[in-house]
N, C-alpha and C. Protein backbone atom coordinates (compact mmCIF):
# COMPACT_ATOMS: atom_id res chain seq x y z
N MET A 1 -5.94 -58.95 -7.69
CA MET A 1 -5.70 -58.34 -6.40
C MET A 1 -4.26 -57.84 -6.27
N GLN A 2 -3.30 -58.65 -6.74
CA GLN A 2 -1.90 -58.25 -6.67
C GLN A 2 -1.65 -57.01 -7.52
N THR A 3 -2.28 -56.94 -8.67
CA THR A 3 -2.11 -55.78 -9.56
C THR A 3 -2.65 -54.53 -8.88
N THR A 4 -3.75 -54.65 -8.20
CA THR A 4 -4.34 -53.52 -7.49
C THR A 4 -3.40 -53.02 -6.40
N LYS A 5 -2.80 -53.94 -5.65
CA LYS A 5 -1.87 -53.55 -4.59
C LYS A 5 -0.65 -52.84 -5.18
N LYS A 6 -0.16 -53.37 -6.31
CA LYS A 6 1.01 -52.77 -6.94
C LYS A 6 0.72 -51.35 -7.41
N LEU A 7 -0.50 -51.10 -7.81
CA LEU A 7 -0.88 -49.77 -8.26
C LEU A 7 -1.16 -48.83 -7.09
N LEU A 8 -1.75 -49.33 -6.05
CA LEU A 8 -2.13 -48.49 -4.92
C LEU A 8 -0.96 -48.07 -4.04
N ILE A 9 0.02 -48.92 -3.87
CA ILE A 9 1.13 -48.60 -2.98
C ILE A 9 1.85 -47.33 -3.40
N PRO A 10 2.24 -47.15 -4.67
CA PRO A 10 2.90 -45.88 -5.04
C PRO A 10 1.99 -44.67 -4.83
N ILE A 11 0.72 -44.83 -5.10
CA ILE A 11 -0.22 -43.72 -4.93
C ILE A 11 -0.33 -43.34 -3.45
N ILE A 12 -0.41 -44.31 -2.59
CA ILE A 12 -0.49 -44.05 -1.16
C ILE A 12 0.78 -43.37 -0.67
N LEU A 13 1.94 -43.82 -1.16
CA LEU A 13 3.20 -43.21 -0.75
C LEU A 13 3.28 -41.75 -1.18
N VAL A 14 2.79 -41.44 -2.36
CA VAL A 14 2.81 -40.05 -2.85
C VAL A 14 1.93 -39.18 -1.95
N PHE A 15 0.73 -39.64 -1.64
CA PHE A 15 -0.15 -38.86 -0.77
C PHE A 15 0.43 -38.70 0.62
N ALA A 16 1.08 -39.74 1.14
CA ALA A 16 1.68 -39.64 2.46
C ALA A 16 2.81 -38.62 2.47
N ALA A 17 3.59 -38.60 1.41
CA ALA A 17 4.71 -37.64 1.33
C ALA A 17 4.21 -36.21 1.22
N CYS A 18 3.13 -36.00 0.52
CA CYS A 18 2.59 -34.65 0.32
C CYS A 18 1.89 -34.12 1.56
N GLY A 19 1.35 -34.99 2.36
CA GLY A 19 0.54 -34.55 3.49
C GLY A 19 1.31 -34.38 4.78
N GLY A 20 2.59 -34.66 4.77
CA GLY A 20 3.38 -34.57 6.00
C GLY A 20 3.58 -33.15 6.45
N ASP A 21 3.83 -32.99 7.72
CA ASP A 21 4.07 -31.67 8.28
C ASP A 21 5.58 -31.49 8.39
N ASN A 22 6.13 -30.68 7.52
CA ASN A 22 7.58 -30.48 7.47
C ASN A 22 7.93 -29.24 8.29
N PRO A 23 8.58 -29.40 9.46
CA PRO A 23 8.91 -28.25 10.32
C PRO A 23 9.77 -27.20 9.61
N ALA A 24 10.71 -27.63 8.79
CA ALA A 24 11.57 -26.68 8.08
C ALA A 24 10.73 -25.81 7.14
N GLU A 25 9.74 -26.42 6.51
CA GLU A 25 8.86 -25.66 5.61
C GLU A 25 8.03 -24.66 6.40
N ASN A 26 7.57 -25.05 7.57
CA ASN A 26 6.76 -24.16 8.40
C ASN A 26 7.56 -22.96 8.87
N GLU A 27 8.84 -23.11 9.10
CA GLU A 27 9.67 -22.00 9.56
C GLU A 27 9.69 -20.88 8.54
N THR A 28 9.65 -21.21 7.25
CA THR A 28 9.69 -20.18 6.22
C THR A 28 8.36 -19.43 6.14
N LYS A 29 7.31 -19.99 6.71
CA LYS A 29 6.00 -19.36 6.67
C LYS A 29 5.76 -18.45 7.88
N VAL A 30 6.70 -18.38 8.78
CA VAL A 30 6.55 -17.56 9.98
C VAL A 30 6.47 -16.10 9.57
N ASP A 31 5.51 -15.41 10.10
CA ASP A 31 5.33 -14.00 9.79
C ASP A 31 6.12 -13.17 10.79
N ASN A 32 7.17 -12.53 10.32
CA ASN A 32 8.00 -11.73 11.22
C ASN A 32 7.79 -10.23 11.01
N TYR A 33 6.62 -9.87 10.47
CA TYR A 33 6.31 -8.46 10.29
C TYR A 33 6.21 -7.81 11.68
N PRO A 34 6.91 -6.71 11.92
CA PRO A 34 7.03 -6.19 13.29
C PRO A 34 5.84 -5.41 13.82
N LEU A 35 4.92 -5.02 12.98
CA LEU A 35 3.80 -4.18 13.44
C LEU A 35 2.50 -4.95 13.49
N THR A 36 1.65 -4.58 14.43
CA THR A 36 0.29 -5.14 14.49
C THR A 36 -0.73 -4.08 14.09
N THR A 37 -0.22 -2.87 13.83
CA THR A 37 -1.09 -1.77 13.40
C THR A 37 -0.63 -1.26 12.04
N CYS A 38 -1.52 -0.60 11.36
CA CYS A 38 -1.23 -0.02 10.05
C CYS A 38 -0.27 1.15 10.22
N VAL A 39 0.79 1.16 9.43
CA VAL A 39 1.80 2.22 9.53
C VAL A 39 1.23 3.58 9.10
N ILE A 40 0.14 3.59 8.38
CA ILE A 40 -0.49 4.83 7.92
C ILE A 40 -1.53 5.33 8.92
N SER A 41 -2.53 4.49 9.21
CA SER A 41 -3.67 4.94 10.01
C SER A 41 -3.53 4.67 11.50
N GLY A 42 -2.70 3.70 11.86
CA GLY A 42 -2.60 3.31 13.26
C GLY A 42 -3.66 2.30 13.68
N ASN A 43 -4.58 1.97 12.77
CA ASN A 43 -5.60 0.97 13.06
C ASN A 43 -4.96 -0.42 13.12
N LYS A 44 -5.61 -1.33 13.84
CA LYS A 44 -5.13 -2.70 13.85
C LYS A 44 -5.17 -3.24 12.42
N LEU A 45 -4.19 -4.07 12.09
CA LEU A 45 -4.10 -4.57 10.72
C LEU A 45 -5.32 -5.37 10.30
N ASP A 46 -6.02 -5.97 11.25
CA ASP A 46 -7.19 -6.77 10.90
C ASP A 46 -8.51 -6.03 11.13
N ASP A 47 -8.47 -4.71 11.27
CA ASP A 47 -9.70 -3.94 11.49
C ASP A 47 -10.72 -4.09 10.37
N HIS A 48 -10.25 -4.28 9.16
CA HIS A 48 -11.15 -4.39 8.00
C HIS A 48 -11.07 -5.78 7.39
N GLY A 49 -10.88 -6.79 8.21
CA GLY A 49 -10.70 -8.16 7.71
C GLY A 49 -9.22 -8.47 7.65
N GLU A 50 -8.84 -9.27 6.69
CA GLU A 50 -7.42 -9.62 6.53
C GLU A 50 -6.62 -8.37 6.18
N PRO A 51 -5.40 -8.26 6.68
CA PRO A 51 -4.56 -7.11 6.32
C PRO A 51 -4.29 -7.09 4.82
N HIS A 52 -4.13 -5.90 4.28
CA HIS A 52 -3.77 -5.74 2.88
C HIS A 52 -2.24 -5.81 2.80
N VAL A 53 -1.73 -6.80 2.08
CA VAL A 53 -0.28 -7.00 1.98
C VAL A 53 0.20 -6.39 0.67
N HIS A 54 1.22 -5.57 0.78
CA HIS A 54 1.77 -4.84 -0.38
C HIS A 54 3.27 -5.10 -0.45
N LYS A 55 3.78 -5.32 -1.64
CA LYS A 55 5.22 -5.48 -1.84
C LYS A 55 5.78 -4.17 -2.38
N HIS A 56 6.80 -3.65 -1.71
CA HIS A 56 7.47 -2.43 -2.16
C HIS A 56 8.95 -2.73 -2.29
N GLU A 57 9.43 -2.77 -3.51
CA GLU A 57 10.85 -3.05 -3.78
C GLU A 57 11.32 -4.30 -3.03
N GLY A 58 10.49 -5.34 -3.08
CA GLY A 58 10.84 -6.61 -2.46
C GLY A 58 10.52 -6.73 -0.99
N ARG A 59 10.06 -5.66 -0.37
CA ARG A 59 9.71 -5.69 1.05
C ARG A 59 8.21 -5.80 1.23
N THR A 60 7.82 -6.53 2.23
CA THR A 60 6.41 -6.67 2.56
C THR A 60 6.00 -5.57 3.51
N VAL A 61 4.91 -4.91 3.17
CA VAL A 61 4.33 -3.88 4.04
C VAL A 61 2.85 -4.22 4.17
N LYS A 62 2.35 -4.17 5.40
CA LYS A 62 0.95 -4.50 5.64
C LYS A 62 0.16 -3.26 6.04
N PHE A 63 -1.06 -3.21 5.53
CA PHE A 63 -1.96 -2.09 5.80
C PHE A 63 -3.32 -2.62 6.24
N CYS A 64 -4.09 -1.75 6.88
CA CYS A 64 -5.43 -2.15 7.32
C CYS A 64 -6.39 -2.22 6.13
N CYS A 65 -6.10 -1.44 5.07
CA CYS A 65 -6.98 -1.42 3.91
C CYS A 65 -6.21 -0.92 2.67
N PRO A 66 -6.69 -1.23 1.49
CA PRO A 66 -5.99 -0.82 0.26
C PRO A 66 -5.77 0.69 0.10
N PRO A 67 -6.69 1.57 0.51
CA PRO A 67 -6.44 3.00 0.34
C PRO A 67 -5.19 3.51 1.06
N CYS A 68 -4.76 2.84 2.12
CA CYS A 68 -3.56 3.28 2.84
C CYS A 68 -2.30 3.15 1.98
N VAL A 69 -2.35 2.27 0.99
CA VAL A 69 -1.19 2.09 0.10
C VAL A 69 -0.91 3.39 -0.66
N GLU A 70 -1.96 4.11 -1.04
CA GLU A 70 -1.78 5.38 -1.76
C GLU A 70 -1.00 6.37 -0.91
N ASP A 71 -1.32 6.45 0.37
CA ASP A 71 -0.59 7.35 1.28
C ASP A 71 0.86 6.88 1.44
N PHE A 72 1.04 5.59 1.54
CA PHE A 72 2.38 5.03 1.66
C PHE A 72 3.23 5.41 0.44
N ASP A 73 2.64 5.30 -0.74
CA ASP A 73 3.38 5.57 -1.98
C ASP A 73 3.83 7.02 -2.10
N GLU A 74 3.23 7.93 -1.35
CA GLU A 74 3.65 9.34 -1.39
C GLU A 74 5.01 9.54 -0.72
N ASP A 75 5.32 8.72 0.30
CA ASP A 75 6.61 8.85 1.00
C ASP A 75 7.01 7.50 1.61
N PRO A 76 7.33 6.53 0.76
CA PRO A 76 7.63 5.19 1.29
C PRO A 76 8.81 5.17 2.26
N ALA A 77 9.82 6.00 2.03
CA ALA A 77 11.00 5.99 2.91
C ALA A 77 10.62 6.30 4.36
N LYS A 78 9.70 7.23 4.53
CA LYS A 78 9.24 7.61 5.88
C LYS A 78 8.62 6.41 6.59
N TYR A 79 7.76 5.69 5.89
CA TYR A 79 7.04 4.57 6.51
C TYR A 79 7.93 3.34 6.67
N LEU A 80 8.84 3.13 5.73
CA LEU A 80 9.77 2.02 5.86
C LEU A 80 10.69 2.23 7.06
N ALA A 81 11.06 3.48 7.31
CA ALA A 81 11.89 3.79 8.49
C ALA A 81 11.11 3.46 9.78
N MET A 82 9.81 3.71 9.78
CA MET A 82 9.00 3.41 10.95
C MET A 82 8.93 1.89 11.18
N ILE A 83 8.82 1.14 10.09
CA ILE A 83 8.78 -0.33 10.19
C ILE A 83 10.13 -0.83 10.68
N ASP A 84 11.22 -0.28 10.14
CA ASP A 84 12.55 -0.69 10.57
C ASP A 84 12.77 -0.40 12.05
N ALA A 85 12.30 0.75 12.52
CA ALA A 85 12.44 1.12 13.93
C ALA A 85 11.68 0.13 14.82
N ALA A 86 10.57 -0.37 14.34
CA ALA A 86 9.78 -1.32 15.14
C ALA A 86 10.47 -2.68 15.25
N LYS A 87 11.37 -2.97 14.33
CA LYS A 87 12.10 -4.25 14.38
C LYS A 87 13.15 -4.25 15.47
N LYS A 88 13.55 -3.07 15.92
CA LYS A 88 14.64 -2.99 16.92
C LYS A 88 14.15 -3.13 18.32
C-alpha cells in the first residue's frame, strides 16, 4: 500500500499541474483580430464555418473561405492597410 501511494502521488501532482487554468497563458490566446468580416468579400468570418486563418509575412489574416486568399495575394498591401485602419 505504501509503495502504491509513493507512486501515485507524483502522478497526481503532474496531472494537477497540467490541468490548471493559468490566466497568463490565457492572455496569450486572446484573439485581437480587428475585423469580424472578411477583408475580401465583406461576409462574416464565420459564414462558411470556422474562419480561414492565413499567415502573411508573420501577420494573421482571416477570411470567410480559402478562395479569398487568392484575391488577397494579388494585392496584400491594400488589404493589410484595411486591417490596420480597423485597429485604430
